[in-house]
């Protein structure tokens, strides 16, 4: 009976001594990084992507307007 308890308790103790502290440190480190927000580089990249998306949206609207004028039924073909 004592051997069975030792087999169960030993992994729990090893987990609590080695794995749990590392797990907690990594968890709260990632929470801290998320709370800090975007870095300067990330914000600049996000701003650039937003500008490119706006330009692409304008181009798509222009293309759709041209297609509507040239081939009014193009939306029904797909």
Protein backbone atom coordinates (compact mmCIF):
# COMPACT_ATOMS: atom_id res chain seq x y z
CA UNK A 1 0.00 0.00 0.00
CA UNK A 2 2.82 2.41 0.87
CA UNK A 3 4.48 1.67 -2.48
CA UNK A 4 1.34 2.69 -4.35
CA UNK A 5 1.10 5.95 -2.40
CA UNK A 6 4.78 6.65 -3.14
CA UNK A 7 4.18 6.08 -6.86
CA UNK A 8 1.33 8.60 -6.80
CA UNK A 9 2.90 11.19 -4.49
CA UNK A 10 6.37 11.28 -6.08
CA UNK A 11 5.24 12.64 -9.49
CA UNK A 12 3.04 15.22 -7.77
CA UNK A 13 5.97 16.46 -5.68
CA UNK A 14 8.24 16.59 -8.73
CA UNK A 15 5.57 18.51 -10.62
CA UNK A 16 5.12 21.02 -7.79
CA UNK A 17 8.87 21.59 -7.41
CA UNK A 18 9.95 21.83 -11.07
CA UNK A 19 7.07 22.21 -13.51
CA UNK A 20 4.59 24.41 -11.65
CA UNK A 21 6.98 27.32 -10.92
CA UNK A 22 8.24 27.43 -14.51
CA UNK A 23 4.66 27.24 -15.75
CA UNK A 24 3.60 30.15 -13.51
CA UNK A 25 6.59 32.29 -14.51
CA UNK A 26 5.93 31.76 -18.22
CA UNK A 27 2.20 32.40 -17.80
CA UNK A 28 2.60 35.72 -16.02
CA UNK A 29 5.40 36.81 -18.35
CA UNK A 30 3.07 36.34 -21.34
CA UNK A 31 0.29 38.21 -19.52
CA UNK A 32 2.69 41.12 -18.92
CA UNK A 33 3.65 41.26 -22.61
CA UNK A 34 -0.01 41.32 -23.67
CA UNK A 35 -0.78 44.09 -21.17
CA UNK A 36 2.06 46.28 -22.48
CA UNK A 37 0.39 46.64 -25.87
CA UNK A 38 2.04 47.11 -29.25
CA UNK A 39 5.65 48.14 -29.66
CA UNK A 40 6.63 51.04 -31.92
CA UNK A 41 7.56 48.67 -34.75
CA UNK A 42 4.33 46.69 -34.44
CA UNK A 43 2.25 49.89 -34.40
CA UNK A 44 4.05 51.20 -37.50
CA UNK A 45 3.51 47.91 -39.32
CA UNK A 46 -0.17 47.90 -38.34
CA UNK A 47 -0.60 51.48 -39.57
CA UNK A 48 1.07 50.62 -42.87
CA UNK A 49 -1.17 47.58 -43.34
CA UNK A 50 -4.26 49.69 -42.62
CA UNK A 51 -3.21 52.22 -45.29
CA UNK A 52 -2.59 49.43 -47.81
CA UNK A 53 -6.02 47.96 -47.02
CA UNK A 54 -7.67 51.34 -47.66
CA UNK A 55 -5.89 51.68 -51.02
CA UNK A 56 -6.88 48.13 -51.95
CA UNK A 57 -10.50 48.84 -51.01
CA UNK A 58 -10.53 51.90 -53.28
CA UNK A 59 -9.06 49.87 -56.15
CA UNK A 60 -11.66 47.12 -55.69
CA UNK A 61 -14.49 49.69 -55.69
CA UNK A 62 -13.11 51.22 -58.90
CA UNK A 63 -12.80 47.80 -60.51
CA UNK A 64 -16.36 46.86 -59.51
CA UNK A 65 -17.66 50.16 -60.91
CA UNK A 66 -15.88 49.47 -64.23
CA UNK A 67 -17.24 45.94 -64.35
CA UNK A 68 -20.76 47.16 -63.55
CA UNK A 69 -20.54 49.59 -66.48
CA UNK A 70 -19.01 47.11 -68.95
CA UNK A 71 -20.68 43.84 -67.93
CA UNK A 72 -23.69 44.41 -65.67
CA UNK A 73 -24.27 40.67 -65.11
CA UNK A 74 -20.73 39.85 -63.91
CA UNK A 75 -21.86 39.33 -60.32
CA UNK A 76 -24.33 36.62 -61.33
CA UNK A 77 -21.74 34.54 -63.22
CA UNK A 78 -19.86 33.30 -60.15
